[in-house]
Amino acid sequence: MARAIWTGAIAFGLVNIPVKLFPATETKDVSFTTLHAACKTPLRRPYICPKDNVPVEAKEMVKAYEYAKGQYVLVTDEDFNRIPLETSKAIEVAGFVDAEEIKPLFRERNYFLAPIELSVKPFELFRQALLRTDKIAVARAVLWKKEQLVAISPEDGGLTLTTLMYPDEVKAPPDVPATGPVTINDAEIDLAVQLIKTLSMEFDPGRYKDRYREALLDVIRAKVEGKEMPVVVAPEARPTQDLMAALRASLEAAKAG
């Protein structure tokens, strides 16, 4: 059975719904080990104290906050426990919004929420109320030593919790250098719209996989087995010269399936 990474309660008005939090995703990245080139031994990366020039073990490390240049104050687990926030063990619902109001830029990580045995009914009541109103809850919760802004959504018969970025954590779009006025004619717009409509579909995540990861693993397996490695020539990316011709060709290819 999956192990909960956090336990607490959803505070919905005066209704308290004890819940557990579980990861909803996991990374599938290919990991590598750094070796000493001479003897092929895996390297360890110790923390080095630049003052004493000695490696420092984990038991000798402490956390600190740099409040001025070169000035630190130590912070312990007890200090985190003294933070006077009511949300320390509760997911405190602040209100409800339409899902489209939360821009993708603000969404961070996803988790599953599950009730404990005694909270199944209020949990299901909350889920069905969200479905009926077509809303998601915006709430606050202290997770991993940080007060997180979160969204709670009904999903696949349960509830998901999505951590959100605070406004000061989301960067503004970079300034784009001016390139002069550009004229887009109606025919180009019409073709682009037709192409989008032709390629429109229902989103099915099962249709997609990490092709780069699979290709990388194929290369690694070939090296392990001593097979000859294929020579790949990367195509050169060139800007489209004839936009209308490219749009027409794309539309014909899309219609042909």
C-alpha atoms as a PDB file:
ATOM      1  CA  MET A   1       0.000   0.000   0.000  1.00  0.00           C
ATOM      2  CA  ALA A   2       1.229   3.493  -0.824  1.00  0.00           C
ATOM      3  CA  ARG A   3       2.713   5.456   2.057  1.00  0.00           C
ATOM      4  CA  ALA A   4       1.262   8.873   2.874  1.00  0.00           C
ATOM      5  CA  ILE A   5       3.743  11.747   2.793  1.00  0.00           C
ATOM      6  CA  TRP A   6       1.590  14.044   4.956  1.00  0.00           C
ATOM      7  CA  THR A   7      -1.435  13.744   7.225  1.00  0.00           C
ATOM      8  CA  GLY A   8      -3.746  16.528   8.299  1.00  0.00           C
ATOM      9  CA  ALA A   9      -7.261  17.757   7.612  1.00  0.00           C
ATOM     10  CA  ILE A  10      -9.214  19.854   5.142  1.00  0.00           C
ATOM     11  CA  ALA A  11     -10.814  22.745   7.047  1.00  0.00           C
ATOM     12  CA  PHE A  12     -14.003  23.557   5.113  1.00  0.00           C
ATOM     13  CA  GLY A  13     -15.846  26.182   7.160  1.00  0.00           C
ATOM     14  CA  LEU A  14     -16.485  24.422  10.471  1.00  0.00           C
ATOM     15  CA  VAL A  15     -16.249  21.001   8.799  1.00  0.00           C
ATOM     16  CA  ASN A  16     -13.011  19.137   9.495  1.00  0.00           C
ATOM     17  CA  ILE A  17     -12.070  16.344   7.063  1.00  0.00           C
ATOM     18  CA  PRO A  18      -9.001  14.295   8.108  1.00  0.00           C
ATOM     19  CA  VAL A  19      -6.982  13.310   5.036  1.00  0.00           C
ATOM     20  CA  LYS A  20      -3.726  11.796   3.878  1.00  0.00           C
ATOM     21  CA  LEU A  21      -1.564  13.099   1.037  1.00  0.00           C
ATOM     22  CA  PHE A  22       0.064  10.842  -1.565  1.00  0.00           C
ATOM     23  CA  PRO A  23       2.333  11.615  -4.547  1.00  0.00           C
ATOM     24  CA  ALA A  24       0.454  11.622  -7.857  1.00  0.00           C
ATOM     25  CA  THR A  25       3.514  11.623 -10.117  1.00  0.00           C
ATOM     26  CA  GLU A  26       7.026  10.226 -10.232  1.00  0.00           C
ATOM     27  CA  THR A  27       9.978  11.124 -12.394  1.00  0.00           C
ATOM     28  CA  LYS A  28      11.184   8.610 -14.968  1.00  0.00           C
ATOM     29  CA  ASP A  29      14.379  10.438 -15.856  1.00  0.00           C
ATOM     30  CA  VAL A  30      17.418   8.316 -16.693  1.00  0.00           C
ATOM     31  CA  SER A  31      19.960   8.795 -13.900  1.00  0.00           C
ATOM     32  CA  PHE A  32      23.721   8.693 -14.344  1.00  0.00           C
ATOM     33  CA  THR A  33      26.652   8.007 -12.023  1.00  0.00           C
ATOM     34  CA  THR A  34      29.807  10.121 -12.140  1.00  0.00           C
ATOM     35  CA  LEU A  35      32.975   7.983 -12.173  1.00  0.00           C
ATOM     36  CA  HIS A  36      36.680   8.655 -11.798  1.00  0.00           C
ATOM     37  CA  ALA A  37      37.872   8.491 -15.428  1.00  0.00           C
ATOM     38  CA  ALA A  38      41.125   6.715 -14.476  1.00  0.00           C
ATOM     39  CA  CYS A  39      39.724   3.761 -12.490  1.00  0.00           C
ATOM     40  CA  LYS A  40      35.954   3.937 -13.203  1.00  0.00           C
ATOM     41  CA  THR A  41      35.096   4.178  -9.481  1.00  0.00           C
ATOM     42  CA  PRO A  42      31.889   6.032  -8.511  1.00  0.00           C
ATOM     43  CA  LEU A  43      32.738   9.366  -6.935  1.00  0.00           C
ATOM     44  CA  ARG A  44      31.415  10.705  -3.659  1.00  0.00           C
ATOM     45  CA  ARG A  45      30.753  14.410  -3.300  1.00  0.00           C
ATOM     46  CA  PRO A  46      31.547  15.480   0.267  1.00  0.00           C
ATOM     47  CA  TYR A  47      30.742  18.912   1.627  1.00  0.00           C
ATOM     48  CA  ILE A  48      34.039  20.715   2.191  1.00  0.00           C
ATOM     49  CA  CYS A  49      34.502  23.457   4.785  1.00  0.00           C
ATOM     50  CA  PRO A  50      36.547  26.122   2.948  1.00  0.00           C
ATOM     51  CA  LYS A  51      37.877  27.510   6.243  1.00  0.00           C
ATOM     52  CA  ASP A  52      39.164  24.244   7.745  1.00  0.00           C
ATOM     53  CA  ASN A  53      39.587  22.504   4.353  1.00  0.00           C
ATOM     54  CA  VAL A  54      38.092  19.260   5.678  1.00  0.00           C
ATOM     55  CA  PRO A  55      35.091  17.167   4.569  1.00  0.00           C
ATOM     56  CA  VAL A  56      32.008  17.588   6.777  1.00  0.00           C
ATOM     57  CA  GLU A  57      29.629  14.723   7.579  1.00  0.00           C
ATOM     58  CA  ALA A  58      25.841  15.117   7.732  1.00  0.00           C
ATOM     59  CA  LYS A  59      25.782  14.883  11.552  1.00  0.00           C
ATOM     60  CA  GLU A  60      28.062  17.937  11.706  1.00  0.00           C
ATOM     61  CA  MET A  61      25.830  20.121   9.508  1.00  0.00           C
ATOM     62  CA  VAL A  62      23.320  22.742  10.658  1.00  0.00           C
ATOM     63  CA  LYS A  63      20.853  24.987   8.826  1.00  0.00           C
ATOM     64  CA  ALA A  64      21.263  28.755   8.900  1.00  0.00           C
ATOM     65  CA  TYR A  65      19.758  31.885   7.366  1.00  0.00           C
ATOM     66  CA  GLU A  66      22.048  34.598   5.981  1.00  0.00           C
ATOM     67  CA  TYR A  67      20.430  37.804   7.276  1.00  0.00           C
ATOM     68  CA  ALA A  68      23.377  40.010   6.246  1.00  0.00           C
ATOM     69  CA  LYS A  69      26.494  39.469   4.149  1.00  0.00           C
ATOM     70  CA  GLY A  70      28.472  36.778   5.972  1.00  0.00           C
ATOM     71  CA  GLN A  71      26.140  36.914   9.007  1.00  0.00           C
ATOM     72  CA  TYR A  72      24.091  33.801   9.836  1.00  0.00           C
ATOM     73  CA  VAL A  73      21.506  32.759  12.390  1.00  0.00           C
ATOM     74  CA  LEU A  74      21.054  29.042  13.094  1.00  0.00           C
ATOM     75  CA  VAL A  75      17.590  27.560  12.474  1.00  0.00           C
ATOM     76  CA  THR A  76      16.554  24.241  14.060  1.00  0.00           C
ATOM     77  CA  ASP A  77      13.565  21.925  13.671  1.00  0.00           C
ATOM     78  CA  GLU A  78      12.223  23.364  16.928  1.00  0.00           C
ATOM     79  CA  ASP A  79      12.157  26.807  15.323  1.00  0.00           C
ATOM     80  CA  PHE A  80       9.997  25.496  12.486  1.00  0.00           C
ATOM     81  CA  ASN A  81       7.607  23.967  15.030  1.00  0.00           C
ATOM     82  CA  ARG A  82       7.242  27.342  16.773  1.00  0.00           C
ATOM     83  CA  ILE A  83       5.850  29.089  13.670  1.00  0.00           C
ATOM     84  CA  PRO A  84       2.382  30.352  14.772  1.00  0.00           C
ATOM     85  CA  LEU A  85       0.286  29.306  11.767  1.00  0.00           C
ATOM     86  CA  GLU A  86      -3.135  27.719  12.109  1.00  0.00           C
ATOM     87  CA  THR A  87      -2.556  25.892   8.824  1.00  0.00           C
ATOM     88  CA  SER A  88       0.344  23.851  10.234  1.00  0.00           C
ATOM     89  CA  LYS A  89      -1.703  20.614  10.196  1.00  0.00           C
ATOM     90  CA  ALA A  90      -4.721  21.763   8.205  1.00  0.00           C
ATOM     91  CA  ILE A  91      -5.533  22.493   4.588  1.00  0.00           C
ATOM     92  CA  GLU A  92      -7.455  25.686   5.265  1.00  0.00           C
ATOM     93  CA  VAL A  93      -9.942  26.422   2.472  1.00  0.00           C
ATOM     94  CA  ALA A  94      -9.962  30.143   1.633  1.00  0.00           C
ATOM     95  CA  GLY A  95     -12.611  30.041  -1.099  1.00  0.00           C
ATOM     96  CA  PHE A  96     -13.723  28.542  -4.392  1.00  0.00           C
ATOM     97  CA  VAL A  97     -12.963  29.530  -7.999  1.00  0.00           C
ATOM     98  CA  ASP A  98     -13.537  28.326 -11.549  1.00  0.00           C
ATOM     99  CA  ALA A  99     -10.710  26.044 -12.690  1.00  0.00           C
ATOM    100  CA  GLU A 100      -9.837  28.218 -15.685  1.00  0.00           C
ATOM    101  CA  GLU A 101      -9.096  31.153 -13.368  1.00  0.00           C
ATOM    102  CA  ILE A 102      -5.850  29.483 -12.260  1.00  0.00           C
ATOM    103  CA  LYS A 103      -3.358  29.946 -15.085  1.00  0.00           C
ATOM    104  CA  PRO A 104      -1.038  27.019 -15.932  1.00  0.00           C
ATOM    105  CA  LEU A 105       1.992  29.143 -14.945  1.00  0.00           C
ATOM    106  CA  PHE A 106       0.828  29.056 -11.324  1.00  0.00           C
ATOM    107  CA  ARG A 107       0.395  25.258 -11.157  1.00  0.00           C
ATOM    108  CA  GLU A 108       3.303  23.306  -9.710  1.00  0.00           C
ATOM    109  CA  ARG A 109       2.949  19.687  -8.448  1.00  0.00           C
ATOM    110  CA  ASN A 110       0.040  17.269  -8.087  1.00  0.00           C
ATOM    111  CA  TYR A 111      -0.890  14.959  -5.213  1.00  0.00           C
ATOM    112  CA  PHE A 112      -3.756  12.625  -4.303  1.00  0.00           C
ATOM    113  CA  LEU A 113      -5.880  13.284  -1.224  1.00  0.00           C
ATOM    114  CA  ALA A 114      -7.506  10.332   0.522  1.00  0.00           C
ATOM    115  CA  PRO A 115      -9.779  10.182   3.581  1.00  0.00           C
ATOM    116  CA  ILE A 116      -9.093   8.197   6.696  1.00  0.00           C
ATOM    117  CA  GLU A 117     -11.690   5.587   7.665  1.00  0.00           C
ATOM    118  CA  LEU A 118     -13.728   7.970   9.849  1.00  0.00           C
ATOM    119  CA  SER A 119     -13.807  10.813   7.307  1.00  0.00           C
ATOM    120  CA  VAL A 120     -15.106   8.997   4.214  1.00  0.00           C
ATOM    121  CA  LYS A 121     -18.557  10.638   4.301  1.00  0.00           C
ATOM    122  CA  PRO A 122     -17.456  14.300   4.725  1.00  0.00           C
ATOM    123  CA  PHE A 123     -14.712  13.689   2.139  1.00  0.00           C
ATOM    124  CA  GLU A 124     -17.253  12.399  -0.399  1.00  0.00           C
ATOM    125  CA  LEU A 125     -19.669  15.211   0.466  1.00  0.00           C
ATOM    126  CA  PHE A 126     -16.951  17.782  -0.236  1.00  0.00           C
ATOM    127  CA  ARG A 127     -16.019  16.066  -3.522  1.00  0.00           C
ATOM    128  CA  GLN A 128     -19.615  15.905  -4.761  1.00  0.00           C
ATOM    129  CA  ALA A 129     -20.230  19.540  -3.799  1.00  0.00           C
ATOM    130  CA  LEU A 130     -17.215  20.576  -5.890  1.00  0.00           C
ATOM    131  CA  LEU A 131     -18.538  18.557  -8.833  1.00  0.00           C
ATOM    132  CA  ARG A 132     -22.044  20.000  -8.576  1.00  0.00           C
ATOM    133  CA  THR A 133     -20.818  23.603  -8.415  1.00  0.00           C
ATOM    134  CA  ASP A 134     -18.057  23.015 -11.001  1.00  0.00           C
ATOM    135  CA  LYS A 135     -15.584  24.755  -8.682  1.00  0.00           C
ATOM    136  CA  ILE A 136     -12.176  24.024  -7.202  1.00  0.00           C
ATOM    137  CA  ALA A 137     -11.082  24.997  -3.703  1.00  0.00           C
ATOM    138  CA  VAL A 138      -8.204  27.392  -3.077  1.00  0.00           C
ATOM    139  CA  ALA A 139      -6.534  26.714   0.258  1.00  0.00           C
ATOM    140  CA  ARG A 140      -3.400  27.153   2.365  1.00  0.00           C
ATOM    141  CA  ALA A 141      -1.366  24.382   3.958  1.00  0.00           C
ATOM    142  CA  VAL A 142       2.043  24.136   5.599  1.00  0.00           C
ATOM    143  CA  LEU A 143       3.869  21.432   3.648  1.00  0.00           C
ATOM    144  CA  TRP A 144       7.617  20.766   3.817  1.00  0.00           C
ATOM    145  CA  LYS A 145       8.376  23.765   6.021  1.00  0.00           C
ATOM    146  CA  LYS A 146       6.599  26.212   3.718  1.00  0.00           C
ATOM    147  CA  GLU A 147       3.066  27.598   3.643  1.00  0.00           C
ATOM    148  CA  GLN A 148       1.815  26.411   0.279  1.00  0.00           C
ATOM    149  CA  LEU A 149      -1.013  27.859  -1.747  1.00  0.00           C
ATOM    150  CA  VAL A 150      -2.950  24.865  -3.098  1.00  0.00           C
ATOM    151  CA  ALA A 151      -5.929  23.991  -5.273  1.00  0.00           C
ATOM    152  CA  ILE A 152      -8.205  21.026  -4.502  1.00  0.00           C
ATOM    153  CA  SER A 153     -10.041  19.482  -7.453  1.00  0.00           C
ATOM    154  CA  PRO A 154     -12.398  16.517  -7.904  1.00  0.00           C
ATOM    155  CA  GLU A 155     -10.650  13.944 -10.084  1.00  0.00           C
ATOM    156  CA  ASP A 156     -11.401  10.300 -10.999  1.00  0.00           C
ATOM    157  CA  GLY A 157     -13.633   9.604  -8.017  1.00  0.00           C
ATOM    158  CA  GLY A 158     -11.323  11.323  -5.544  1.00  0.00           C
ATOM    159  CA  LEU A 159      -9.610  14.633  -4.865  1.00  0.00           C
ATOM    160  CA  THR A 160      -6.303  15.979  -6.110  1.00  0.00           C
ATOM    161  CA  LEU A 161      -4.225  18.686  -4.470  1.00  0.00           C
ATOM    162  CA  THR A 162      -2.110  20.916  -6.710  1.00  0.00           C
ATOM    163  CA  THR A 163       0.518  23.177  -5.184  1.00  0.00           C
ATOM    164  CA  LEU A 164       0.467  26.678  -6.653  1.00  0.00           C
ATOM    165  CA  MET A 165       3.155  29.306  -7.082  1.00  0.00           C
ATOM    166  CA  TYR A 166       2.793  32.636  -5.299  1.00  0.00           C
ATOM    167  CA  PRO A 167       2.663  35.702  -7.578  1.00  0.00           C
ATOM    168  CA  ASP A 168       6.185  36.783  -6.591  1.00  0.00           C
ATOM    169  CA  GLU A 169       7.480  33.338  -7.643  1.00  0.00           C
ATOM    170  CA  VAL A 170       6.164  33.617 -11.213  1.00  0.00           C
ATOM    171  CA  LYS A 171       8.438  35.545 -13.529  1.00  0.00           C
ATOM    172  CA  ALA A 172       7.174  38.181 -15.917  1.00  0.00           C
ATOM    173  CA  PRO A 173       7.541  37.384 -19.633  1.00  0.00           C
ATOM    174  CA  PRO A 174      10.950  38.440 -20.963  1.00  0.00           C
ATOM    175  CA  ASP A 175      11.141  41.577 -23.049  1.00  0.00           C
ATOM    176  CA  VAL A 176      11.094  40.631 -26.723  1.00  0.00           C
ATOM    177  CA  PRO A 177      13.245  42.852 -28.950  1.00  0.00           C
ATOM    178  CA  ALA A 178      11.189  44.807 -31.463  1.00  0.00           C
ATOM    179  CA  THR A 179      11.395  43.316 -34.957  1.00  0.00           C
ATOM    180  CA  GLY A 180       9.277  45.871 -36.773  1.00  0.00           C
ATOM    181  CA  PRO A 181       5.597  45.675 -37.687  1.00  0.00           C
ATOM    182  CA  VAL A 182       4.365  42.363 -39.116  1.00  0.00           C
ATOM    183  CA  THR A 183       1.334  42.053 -41.375  1.00  0.00           C
ATOM    184  CA  ILE A 184      -0.706  38.838 -41.225  1.00  0.00           C
ATOM    185  CA  ASN A 185      -3.275  38.574 -44.005  1.00  0.00           C
ATOM    186  CA  ASP A 186      -6.693  36.921 -43.710  1.00  0.00           C
ATOM    187  CA  ALA A 187      -5.748  33.973 -45.931  1.00  0.00           C
ATOM    188  CA  GLU A 188      -2.843  33.048 -43.644  1.00  0.00           C
ATOM    189  CA  ILE A 189      -5.036  33.308 -40.555  1.00  0.00           C
ATOM    190  CA  ASP A 190      -7.769  31.186 -42.189  1.00  0.00           C
ATOM    191  CA  LEU A 191      -5.316  28.421 -43.092  1.00  0.00           C
ATOM    192  CA  ALA A 192      -3.781  28.437 -39.598  1.00  0.00           C
ATOM    193  CA  VAL A 193      -7.265  28.225 -38.030  1.00  0.00           C
ATOM    194  CA  GLN A 194      -8.212  25.340 -40.360  1.00  0.00           C
ATOM    195  CA  LEU A 195      -5.029  23.493 -39.388  1.00  0.00           C
ATOM    196  CA  ILE A 196      -5.766  23.932 -35.684  1.00  0.00           C
ATOM    197  CA  LYS A 197      -9.346  22.697 -36.140  1.00  0.00           C
ATOM    198  CA  THR A 198      -8.182  19.687 -38.166  1.00  0.00           C
ATOM    199  CA  LEU A 199      -5.649  18.745 -35.480  1.00  0.00           C
ATOM    200  CA  SER A 200      -8.061  19.353 -32.577  1.00  0.00           C
ATOM    201  CA  MET A 201      -8.704  16.269 -30.421  1.00  0.00           C
ATOM    202  CA  GLU A 202      -9.535  15.075 -26.931  1.00  0.00           C
ATOM    203  CA  PHE A 203      -6.487  14.956 -24.690  1.00  0.00           C
ATOM    204  CA  ASP A 204      -5.466  11.350 -23.984  1.00  0.00           C
ATOM    205  CA  PRO A 205      -2.191  11.215 -22.012  1.00  0.00           C
ATOM    206  CA  GLY A 206      -1.920   7.492 -22.786  1.00  0.00           C
ATOM    207  CA  ARG A 207      -1.048   8.372 -26.377  1.00  0.00           C
ATOM    208  CA  TYR A 208       2.214   9.985 -25.348  1.00  0.00           C
ATOM    209  CA  LYS A 209       5.510   8.654 -24.030  1.00  0.00           C
ATOM    210  CA  ASP A 210       8.994  10.011 -23.481  1.00  0.00           C
ATOM    211  CA  ARG A 211      10.568   9.098 -26.818  1.00  0.00           C
ATOM    212  CA  TYR A 212      13.893  10.678 -25.877  1.00  0.00           C
ATOM    213  CA  ARG A 213      14.184   8.519 -22.739  1.00  0.00           C
ATOM    214  CA  GLU A 214      13.401   5.353 -24.706  1.00  0.00           C
ATOM    215  CA  ALA A 215      15.928   6.262 -27.411  1.00  0.00           C
ATOM    216  CA  LEU A 216      18.552   7.029 -24.757  1.00  0.00           C
ATOM    217  CA  LEU A 217      17.969   3.641 -23.100  1.00  0.00           C
ATOM    218  CA  ASP A 218      18.309   1.975 -26.523  1.00  0.00           C
ATOM    219  CA  VAL A 219      21.694   3.685 -26.955  1.00  0.00           C
ATOM    220  CA  ILE A 220      22.780   2.577 -23.457  1.00  0.00           C
ATOM    221  CA  ARG A 221      21.672  -1.027 -24.087  1.00  0.00           C
ATOM    222  CA  ALA A 222      23.554  -1.043 -27.394  1.00  0.00           C
ATOM    223  CA  LYS A 223      26.734   0.108 -25.625  1.00  0.00           C
ATOM    224  CA  VAL A 224      26.321  -2.546 -22.905  1.00  0.00           C
ATOM    225  CA  GLU A 225      25.896  -5.239 -25.572  1.00  0.00           C
ATOM    226  CA  GLY A 226      28.784  -3.906 -27.658  1.00  0.00           C
ATOM    227  CA  LYS A 227      26.624  -3.168 -30.673  1.00  0.00           C
ATOM    228  CA  GLU A 228      27.513  -0.611 -33.316  1.00  0.00           C
ATOM    229  CA  MET A 229      26.068   2.800 -32.573  1.00  0.00           C
ATOM    230  CA  PRO A 230      23.978   4.489 -35.268  1.00  0.00           C
ATOM    231  CA  VAL A 231      25.175   7.785 -36.698  1.00  0.00           C
ATOM    232  CA  VAL A 232      22.483  10.434 -36.361  1.00  0.00           C
ATOM    233  CA  VAL A 233      22.565  13.661 -38.316  1.00  0.00           C
ATOM    234  CA  ALA A 234      20.409  16.315 -36.665  1.00  0.00           C
ATOM    235  CA  PRO A 235      18.317  18.277 -39.175  1.00  0.00           C
ATOM    236  CA  GLU A 236      19.103  21.962 -39.405  1.00  0.00           C
ATOM    237  CA  ALA A 237      16.295  24.188 -38.180  1.00  0.00           C
ATOM    238  CA  ARG A 238      15.512  26.774 -40.823  1.00  0.00           C
ATOM    239  CA  PRO A 239      12.783  29.425 -40.813  1.00  0.00           C
ATOM    240  CA  THR A 240       9.834  28.811 -43.137  1.00  0.00           C
ATOM    241  CA  GLN A 241      10.236  30.899 -46.268  1.00  0.00           C
ATOM    242  CA  ASP A 242       6.836  30.382 -47.938  1.00  0.00           C
ATOM    243  CA  LEU A 243       4.341  30.493 -45.066  1.00  0.00           C
ATOM    244  CA  MET A 244       1.234  29.900 -47.196  1.00  0.00           C
ATOM    245  CA  ALA A 245       2.770  26.881 -48.939  1.00  0.00           C
ATOM    246  CA  ALA A 246       3.837  25.394 -45.604  1.00  0.00           C
ATOM    247  CA  LEU A 247       0.351  25.905 -44.131  1.00  0.00           C
ATOM    248  CA  ARG A 248      -1.346  24.305 -47.160  1.00  0.00           C
ATOM    249  CA  ALA A 249       1.021  21.322 -47.073  1.00  0.00           C
ATOM    250  CA  SER A 250       0.484  20.914 -43.322  1.00  0.00           C
ATOM    251  CA  LEU A 251      -3.297  21.043 -43.758  1.00  0.00           C
ATOM    252  CA  GLU A 252      -3.239  18.436 -46.544  1.00  0.00           C
ATOM    253  CA  ALA A 253      -1.023  16.135 -44.457  1.00  0.00           C
ATOM    254  CA  ALA A 254      -3.310  16.526 -41.431  1.00  0.00           C
ATOM    255  CA  LYS A 255      -6.421  15.721 -43.480  1.00  0.00           C
ATOM    256  CA  ALA A 256      -4.713  12.681 -44.981  1.00  0.00           C
ATOM    257  CA  GLY A 257      -4.185  11.415 -41.444  1.00  0.00           C
END
